[in-house]
Amino acid sequence: MEQKEREHFIQTVQKYLDEALLRIVVSNPSGKEGVSKVKIRPLLLKGTLVFQAEELVGNQAFHKNLSVMECAAYLADLLEDKLRQMELDSGKGQVRVLVSKKGTLSMKEKRQQPKMEAAPFIPEHNRQKSYILQEGIPVPFLVDLGVMTEEGKIVRTRYDKFRQINRFLEFIEDILPRLHSDRENVIIDFGCGKSYLTFAMYYYLHELKGYPIRIIGLDLKQTVIDKCNQLKEAYGYDKLNFYHGDIASYEGVEHVDMVVTLHACDTATDYALYKAVRWGASVILSVPCCQHEMNRQLKNDLMAPIYQYGLIKERTAALYTDALRAEVLENQGYRTQILEFIDMEHTPKNILIRAVKQGGKKDNQKEIKEIMESLHCDLTLPKLFEEKEV
């Protein structure tokens, strides 16, 4: 399977790896030994959606639970050297894959029209929602930030924040294989603000999981930075530090393993993504905020009647920008997803860009340029890479 063929397969399969999935069956082994068939089904494990793979080897069955990214890559690996046929069935459609003896992959996809019907039943081991940070267990920084009481109960008016923190930690949990257990991982949080998620990240990775980490929080508000440093001293979080600084000009480290940027306004997100790529960060987690750059430039004669509505134009510009950001990251060698993120303020700012450094660079510069020309836009992020040749 060629690299482009593999990437197309993974992107196609990922669209169906959600609650609507019914089953995936991979069969027709290329040899007599090893795995003869694999069945995959969605499963709720402690409230988290995973994909359970059942491998049949002889008369034995082996099981493993996979995240979305792990499952898609796992299926690609199976079809590359073990099995030659895959059938995927979902409420969203079907995918059929055949691999020839020469390794050529053919894939047919049939999308279903959405229907109004009951939500699919997904088996689960624990029907009560189980969060990574659990109610009833006091966590000092959550108490001080007003999310928990001293007894560990969630403050009713802060429950959305509690859910947001846990949702973020689920994203962190998915990328744990990308972090090092034998050396210090440097993590930077740009625009950390009051640092709910920064403290949660440190607590989860260092206190609960035992990873060797150093986390740097950066923000433009000195009063916020001072407060966060007071809290981290109180908790004894020696490897967590907060500094006053700007995303575009920060040069405090030479190497970074993961970059987090949450609600960095407008082009601040672009500078954070650029810096992350320049450092060679293995993981990027970015939740963009307001986006004005494309909104000011966006022109299209055909869409002019629609763009006269300011709110529609604003949201369209934000979505276009995030999609182009994902494409630029793909161009820099990152496998990128755009995912839904819970936002406590219930605003449209609930998109998370998750990028993992993996594989070769996507040859899409021409397409990015053509898209921007069609939109009459000249955006910061593509220009940064063109001008500075990262």
Protein backbone atom coordinates (compact mmCIF):
# COMPACT_ATOMS: atom_id res chain seq x y z
CA MET A 1 0.00 0.00 0.00
CA GLU A 2 1.52 3.31 -1.05
CA GLN A 3 1.68 6.23 1.41
CA LYS A 4 -1.02 8.28 -0.34
CA GLU A 5 -3.22 5.20 -0.61
CA ARG A 6 -2.75 4.50 3.10
CA GLU A 7 -3.56 8.09 4.07
CA HIS A 8 -6.73 8.08 1.94
CA PHE A 9 -7.81 4.78 3.52
CA ILE A 10 -7.22 6.08 7.07
CA GLN A 11 -9.10 9.33 6.40
CA THR A 12 -12.05 7.39 4.94
CA VAL A 13 -12.27 4.92 7.82
CA GLN A 14 -11.99 7.62 10.49
CA LYS A 15 -15.27 9.16 9.25
CA TYR A 16 -17.09 6.02 10.41
CA LEU A 17 -15.33 5.44 13.73
CA ASP A 18 -17.99 6.83 16.03
CA GLU A 19 -21.20 5.80 17.81
CA ALA A 20 -22.93 4.95 14.51
CA LEU A 21 -20.50 2.13 13.69
CA LEU A 22 -22.14 -1.30 13.61
CA ARG A 23 -19.21 -3.58 12.83
CA ILE A 24 -15.97 -4.00 10.92
CA VAL A 25 -14.82 -7.42 9.70
CA VAL A 26 -11.35 -7.94 8.21
CA SER A 27 -10.72 -11.36 6.66
CA ASN A 28 -9.12 -13.39 3.85
CA PRO A 29 -5.62 -13.96 5.30
CA SER A 30 -2.60 -13.75 2.99
CA GLY A 31 -0.91 -16.67 4.76
CA LYS A 32 -1.79 -19.81 6.73
CA GLU A 33 -0.35 -18.61 10.02
CA GLY A 34 -1.16 -15.65 12.23
CA VAL A 35 -4.40 -13.68 12.31
CA SER A 36 -7.19 -15.19 10.21
CA LYS A 37 -9.96 -12.69 10.97
CA VAL A 38 -10.52 -9.51 12.96
CA LYS A 39 -13.86 -8.16 14.19
CA ILE A 40 -14.21 -4.62 15.52
CA ARG A 41 -17.13 -3.11 17.41
CA PRO A 42 -17.70 0.16 19.32
CA LEU A 43 -17.64 -0.15 23.09
CA LEU A 44 -18.21 2.27 25.98
CA LEU A 45 -15.46 1.64 28.50
CA LYS A 46 -15.93 3.66 31.69
CA GLY A 47 -17.94 6.17 29.69
CA THR A 48 -15.32 6.55 26.93
CA LEU A 49 -15.98 5.33 23.38
CA VAL A 50 -13.33 2.86 22.22
CA PHE A 51 -13.17 0.27 19.45
CA GLN A 52 -12.65 -3.31 20.57
CA ALA A 53 -10.74 -5.51 18.15
CA GLU A 54 -11.12 -9.29 18.40
CA GLU A 55 -8.26 -11.10 16.65
CA LEU A 56 -8.79 -14.73 15.74
CA VAL A 57 -5.54 -16.74 15.75
CA GLY A 58 -6.18 -20.45 15.33
CA ASN A 59 -8.74 -21.39 17.96
CA GLN A 60 -7.90 -18.45 20.20
CA ALA A 61 -9.34 -14.94 20.37
CA PHE A 62 -7.35 -11.93 21.54
CA HIS A 63 -8.85 -8.54 22.39
CA LYS A 64 -7.55 -4.99 22.43
CA ASN A 65 -9.23 -1.60 22.84
CA LEU A 66 -8.26 1.18 20.44
CA SER A 67 -8.86 4.91 20.04
CA VAL A 68 -10.05 6.35 16.70
CA MET A 69 -6.54 7.09 15.44
CA GLU A 70 -5.17 3.76 16.70
CA CYS A 71 -8.03 1.81 15.12
CA ALA A 72 -7.65 3.40 11.67
CA ALA A 73 -3.87 2.80 11.65
CA TYR A 74 -4.39 -0.75 12.95
CA LEU A 75 -6.77 -1.55 10.07
CA ALA A 76 -4.31 -0.13 7.54
CA ASP A 77 -1.55 -2.33 9.00
CA LEU A 78 -3.74 -5.43 8.76
CA LEU A 79 -4.52 -4.81 5.10
CA GLU A 80 -0.89 -4.12 4.29
CA ASP A 81 0.55 -7.47 5.34
CA LYS A 82 -1.98 -9.85 6.93
CA LEU A 83 -5.53 -9.71 5.53
CA ARG A 84 -7.00 -8.81 2.13
CA GLN A 85 -10.65 -7.93 2.66
CA MET A 86 -12.55 -5.51 4.88
CA GLU A 87 -16.26 -4.86 5.33
CA LEU A 88 -17.37 -1.83 7.35
CA ASP A 89 -21.02 -1.27 8.20
CA SER A 90 -22.30 1.88 9.88
CA GLY A 91 -25.47 3.88 10.21
CA LYS A 92 -23.64 6.39 8.01
CA GLY A 93 -22.83 3.98 5.20
CA GLN A 94 -20.63 1.10 4.09
CA VAL A 95 -17.00 0.69 3.05
CA ARG A 96 -15.74 -2.36 1.17
CA VAL A 97 -12.01 -2.96 0.63
CA LEU A 98 -10.16 -5.60 -1.38
CA VAL A 99 -6.38 -6.01 -1.64
CA SER A 100 -4.92 -7.86 -4.63
CA LYS A 101 -2.03 -10.33 -4.39
CA LYS A 102 0.23 -7.55 -5.67
CA GLY A 103 -0.87 -5.31 -2.82
CA THR A 104 -3.12 -2.99 -4.83
CA LEU A 105 -6.01 -1.67 -2.73
CA SER A 106 -9.48 -1.03 -4.14
CA MET A 107 -12.08 0.67 -1.97
CA LYS A 108 -15.78 1.36 -2.47
CA GLU A 109 -17.66 3.72 -0.19
CA LYS A 110 -21.43 4.13 -0.06
CA ARG A 111 -22.74 6.94 2.14
CA GLN A 112 -26.19 6.71 3.70
CA GLN A 113 -28.66 9.58 3.92
CA PRO A 114 -29.13 10.48 7.62
CA LYS A 115 -32.35 9.16 9.13
CA MET A 116 -34.29 10.22 12.19
CA GLU A 117 -34.04 7.16 14.39
CA ALA A 118 -33.11 6.07 17.89
CA ALA A 119 -29.48 6.38 18.88
CA PRO A 120 -27.54 3.14 18.33
CA PHE A 121 -27.07 0.84 21.31
CA ILE A 122 -23.42 0.63 22.32
CA PRO A 123 -22.40 -1.98 24.91
CA GLU A 124 -20.62 -0.57 27.91
CA HIS A 125 -18.83 -2.00 30.90
CA ASN A 126 -19.99 0.75 33.24
CA ARG A 127 -23.22 2.56 32.49
CA GLN A 128 -22.53 5.38 34.95
CA LYS A 129 -20.40 8.06 33.31
CA SER A 130 -16.86 7.67 34.62
CA TYR A 131 -14.61 10.71 34.31
CA ILE A 132 -10.82 10.70 34.48
CA LEU A 133 -11.10 13.13 37.39
CA GLN A 134 -13.94 11.70 39.45
CA GLU A 135 -16.51 13.42 41.60
CA GLY A 136 -16.09 12.59 45.26
CA ILE A 137 -12.28 12.65 45.13
CA PRO A 138 -11.05 16.16 46.05
CA VAL A 139 -8.45 17.59 43.66
CA PRO A 140 -6.71 20.65 45.20
CA PHE A 141 -6.56 22.83 42.08
CA LEU A 142 -10.24 22.15 41.29
CA VAL A 143 -11.16 23.18 44.82
CA ASP A 144 -9.14 26.42 44.62
CA LEU A 145 -10.52 27.23 41.17
CA GLY A 146 -14.09 26.84 42.45
CA VAL A 147 -15.03 23.70 40.49
CA MET A 148 -15.12 21.35 43.50
CA THR A 149 -16.01 21.67 47.16
CA GLU A 150 -13.49 20.56 49.79
CA GLU A 151 -15.44 17.27 50.01
CA GLY A 152 -14.95 16.63 46.29
CA LYS A 153 -18.48 17.46 45.16
CA ILE A 154 -18.85 19.34 41.88
CA VAL A 155 -20.24 22.86 42.26
CA ARG A 156 -23.50 22.79 40.31
CA THR A 157 -22.83 26.00 38.38
CA ARG A 158 -19.34 24.72 37.41
CA TYR A 159 -20.32 21.31 36.11
CA ASP A 160 -19.75 22.36 32.49
CA LYS A 161 -16.18 23.31 33.40
CA PHE A 162 -15.72 19.92 35.10
CA ARG A 163 -16.92 18.14 31.95
CA GLN A 164 -14.69 20.34 29.77
CA ILE A 165 -11.61 19.47 31.82
CA ASN A 166 -12.34 15.76 31.63
CA ARG A 167 -13.01 15.94 27.91
CA PHE A 168 -9.65 17.62 27.42
CA LEU A 169 -7.93 14.90 29.46
CA GLU A 170 -9.51 12.30 27.18
CA PHE A 171 -7.68 13.93 24.27
CA ILE A 172 -4.48 13.79 26.32
CA GLU A 173 -5.12 10.13 27.09
CA ASP A 174 -5.34 9.36 23.37
CA ILE A 175 -1.86 10.73 22.67
CA LEU A 176 -0.05 9.12 25.63
CA PRO A 177 1.81 6.71 23.29
CA ARG A 178 3.42 9.80 21.70
CA LEU A 179 4.99 10.90 25.00
CA HIS A 180 8.22 9.54 26.44
CA SER A 181 8.33 7.56 29.67
CA ASP A 182 12.14 7.56 29.88
CA ARG A 183 12.93 11.27 29.48
CA GLU A 184 11.39 14.64 30.30
CA ASN A 185 8.56 15.76 28.03
CA VAL A 186 8.42 19.51 27.48
CA ILE A 187 4.86 20.84 27.06
CA ILE A 188 3.91 24.45 26.36
CA ASP A 189 0.44 25.90 26.90
CA PHE A 190 0.09 29.18 24.96
CA GLY A 191 -2.60 31.54 26.22
CA CYS A 192 -3.08 29.50 29.37
CA GLY A 193 -5.36 32.04 31.10
CA LYS A 194 -6.54 30.89 34.52
CA SER A 195 -4.96 27.51 33.65
CA TYR A 196 -7.77 25.13 34.57
CA LEU A 197 -6.59 22.78 31.83
CA THR A 198 -2.87 23.39 32.45
CA PHE A 199 -3.19 22.27 36.07
CA ALA A 200 -5.37 19.35 34.98
CA MET A 201 -2.76 18.30 32.42
CA TYR A 202 0.04 18.39 35.01
CA TYR A 203 -2.04 16.55 37.61
CA TYR A 204 -3.05 13.83 35.14
CA LEU A 205 0.32 13.28 33.45
CA HIS A 206 2.61 13.68 36.47
CA GLU A 207 0.56 12.85 39.54
CA LEU A 208 -1.71 10.12 38.13
CA LYS A 209 0.32 8.65 35.24
CA GLY A 210 3.84 9.31 36.49
CA TYR A 211 5.22 10.77 33.24
CA PRO A 212 8.40 12.89 33.51
CA ILE A 213 7.15 16.27 32.30
CA ARG A 214 7.88 19.98 32.34
CA ILE A 215 4.94 22.25 31.55
CA ILE A 216 5.22 25.94 30.68
CA GLY A 217 2.15 28.18 30.74
CA LEU A 218 2.34 31.45 28.81
CA ASP A 219 -0.12 34.35 28.88
CA LEU A 220 -0.21 38.13 28.35
CA LYS A 221 -2.02 38.90 31.62
CA GLN A 222 0.54 39.40 34.41
CA THR A 223 -2.07 39.17 37.19
CA VAL A 224 -3.19 35.76 35.92
CA ILE A 225 0.41 34.54 35.69
CA ASP A 226 1.14 35.68 39.26
CA LYS A 227 -1.94 33.85 40.60
CA CYS A 228 -1.08 30.63 38.75
CA ASN A 229 2.50 30.66 40.06
CA GLN A 230 1.17 31.09 43.61
CA LEU A 231 -1.08 28.06 43.18
CA LYS A 232 1.60 25.84 41.67
CA GLU A 233 3.91 26.69 44.61
CA ALA A 234 1.14 25.75 47.04
CA TYR A 235 0.67 22.37 45.33
CA GLY A 236 4.39 21.64 45.05
CA TYR A 237 4.21 21.33 41.25
CA ASP A 238 7.93 21.88 40.70
CA LYS A 239 7.86 21.17 36.96
CA LEU A 240 5.04 23.61 36.20
CA ASN A 241 5.91 27.25 35.56
CA PHE A 242 3.98 30.26 34.27
CA TYR A 243 5.48 33.19 32.38
CA HIS A 244 4.26 36.50 30.99
CA GLY A 245 4.89 36.52 27.24
CA ASP A 246 3.66 36.64 23.68
CA ILE A 247 3.15 33.56 21.53
CA ALA A 248 4.87 34.94 18.42
CA SER A 249 8.09 36.01 20.15
CA TYR A 250 8.56 33.32 22.82
CA GLU A 251 11.98 31.64 22.58
CA GLY A 252 12.38 30.18 26.07
CA VAL A 253 13.06 26.61 24.95
CA GLU A 254 14.80 24.85 22.08
CA HIS A 255 12.78 21.63 22.04
CA VAL A 256 9.09 20.96 22.73
CA ASP A 257 7.24 17.64 22.69
CA MET A 258 3.66 18.95 22.84
CA VAL A 259 2.05 22.33 22.23
CA VAL A 260 -1.38 23.24 23.58
CA THR A 261 -3.14 26.42 22.54
CA LEU A 262 -6.65 27.06 23.84
CA HIS A 263 -8.69 30.02 22.63
CA ALA A 264 -5.71 32.02 21.37
CA CYS A 265 -7.38 34.88 19.51
CA ASP A 266 -7.21 35.36 15.74
CA THR A 267 -3.69 34.87 14.28
CA ALA A 268 -2.21 34.05 17.71
CA THR A 269 -3.32 30.49 16.99
CA ASP A 270 -1.38 30.58 13.70
CA TYR A 271 1.83 31.72 15.38
CA ALA A 272 1.42 28.99 18.01
CA LEU A 273 1.00 26.34 15.29
CA TYR A 274 4.01 27.69 13.44
CA LYS A 275 6.17 27.61 16.57
CA ALA A 276 4.98 24.06 17.35
CA VAL A 277 6.04 22.82 13.91
CA ARG A 278 9.35 24.68 14.09
CA TRP A 279 10.11 22.95 17.41
CA GLY A 280 9.18 19.59 15.89
CA ALA A 281 6.47 18.96 18.51
CA SER A 282 5.12 15.42 18.35
CA VAL A 283 1.61 16.54 19.33
CA ILE A 284 -0.39 19.73 18.81
CA LEU A 285 -3.74 20.38 20.49
CA SER A 286 -5.35 23.65 19.44
CA VAL A 287 -8.77 25.12 20.17
CA PRO A 288 -8.96 28.31 18.05
CA CYS A 289 -10.84 31.37 19.23
CA CYS A 290 -12.19 34.37 17.30
CA GLN A 291 -10.99 34.60 13.70
CA HIS A 292 -10.92 37.99 11.96
CA GLU A 293 -8.25 37.62 9.27
CA MET A 294 -10.27 35.70 6.67
CA ASN A 295 -13.51 37.39 7.68
CA ARG A 296 -12.06 40.76 6.61
CA GLN A 297 -10.87 39.41 3.24
CA LEU A 298 -13.51 36.85 2.29
CA LYS A 299 -15.09 37.63 -1.07
CA ASN A 300 -17.07 35.49 -3.48
CA ASP A 301 -19.56 36.82 -6.01
CA LEU A 302 -21.62 33.63 -5.96
CA MET A 303 -21.86 33.58 -2.15
CA ALA A 304 -22.32 37.35 -1.73
CA PRO A 305 -26.06 37.06 -0.88
CA ILE A 306 -25.16 34.68 1.96
CA TYR A 307 -22.14 36.62 3.19
CA GLN A 308 -24.31 39.71 3.70
CA TYR A 309 -25.36 38.09 6.97
CA GLY A 310 -22.48 38.94 9.29
CA LEU A 311 -22.87 35.96 11.62
CA ILE A 312 -22.92 33.48 8.72
CA LYS A 313 -19.85 35.05 7.14
CA GLU A 314 -18.01 35.06 10.48
CA ARG A 315 -18.65 31.38 11.18
CA THR A 316 -17.92 30.36 7.59
CA ALA A 317 -14.60 32.21 7.72
CA ALA A 318 -13.69 30.50 10.99
CA LEU A 319 -14.47 27.03 9.59
CA TYR A 320 -12.56 27.68 6.36
CA THR A 321 -9.59 28.94 8.37
CA ASP A 322 -9.50 25.89 10.64
CA ALA A 323 -9.73 23.55 7.65
CA LEU A 324 -6.82 25.34 5.96
CA ARG A 325 -4.84 25.20 9.20
CA ALA A 326 -5.34 21.44 9.22
CA GLU A 327 -4.17 21.21 5.60
CA VAL A 328 -1.06 23.27 6.33
CA LEU A 329 -0.23 20.96 9.26
CA GLU A 330 -0.68 17.96 6.94
CA ASN A 331 1.76 19.66 4.58
CA GLN A 332 4.27 19.78 7.43
CA GLY A 333 4.06 16.04 8.18
CA TYR A 334 1.25 15.96 10.75
CA ARG A 335 -1.75 13.64 10.59
CA THR A 336 -4.51 16.04 11.56
CA GLN A 337 -8.07 15.72 12.84
CA ILE A 338 -10.71 18.35 13.53
CA LEU A 339 -12.78 17.23 16.51
CA GLU A 340 -15.62 18.57 18.63
CA PHE A 341 -14.60 20.01 21.98
CA ILE A 342 -16.94 20.82 24.87
CA ASP A 343 -16.97 24.53 25.63
CA MET A 344 -18.41 25.72 28.94
CA GLU A 345 -19.69 29.01 27.51
CA HIS A 346 -21.81 27.17 24.92
CA THR A 347 -20.35 29.18 22.04
CA PRO A 348 -19.46 27.97 18.52
CA LYS A 349 -15.78 27.94 19.59
CA ASN A 350 -15.80 24.20 20.21
CA ILE A 351 -13.47 22.86 17.53
CA LEU A 352 -10.21 21.17 18.49
CA ILE A 353 -7.42 20.63 15.98
CA ARG A 354 -5.39 17.58 16.96
CA ALA A 355 -2.19 17.00 14.99
CA VAL A 356 0.29 14.16 15.48
CA LYS A 357 3.70 14.20 13.78
CA GLN A 358 3.65 11.05 11.69
CA GLY A 359 4.73 10.06 8.19
CA GLY A 360 5.72 12.19 5.22
CA LYS A 361 4.56 15.65 4.27
CA LYS A 362 1.36 15.92 2.26
CA ASP A 363 1.92 17.43 -1.18
CA ASN A 364 -0.94 19.92 -1.08
CA GLN A 365 0.71 23.35 -1.42
CA LYS A 366 -0.88 23.93 -4.82
CA GLU A 367 -4.36 23.11 -3.49
CA ILE A 368 -3.93 25.39 -0.46
CA LYS A 369 -2.87 28.26 -2.70
CA GLU A 370 -5.77 27.69 -5.10
CA ILE A 371 -8.29 27.61 -2.25
CA MET A 372 -7.01 30.87 -0.80
CA GLU A 373 -7.07 32.49 -4.26
CA SER A 374 -10.67 31.37 -4.81
CA LEU A 375 -11.62 32.93 -1.47
CA HIS A 376 -9.56 36.07 -2.18
CA CYS A 377 -7.70 35.52 1.09
CA ASP A 378 -4.04 35.70 2.09
CA LEU A 379 -3.66 34.01 5.47
CA THR A 380 -0.87 34.20 8.04
CA LEU A 381 -0.10 30.52 8.64
CA PRO A 382 0.73 29.50 5.03
CA LYS A 383 2.80 32.68 4.63
CA LEU A 384 4.88 31.86 7.71
CA PHE A 385 6.04 28.59 6.20
CA GLU A 386 6.62 30.10 2.76
CA GLU A 387 8.66 33.02 4.04
CA LYS A 388 10.71 31.19 6.70
CA GLU A 389 11.07 27.84 4.91
CA VAL A 390 10.46 25.59 7.88
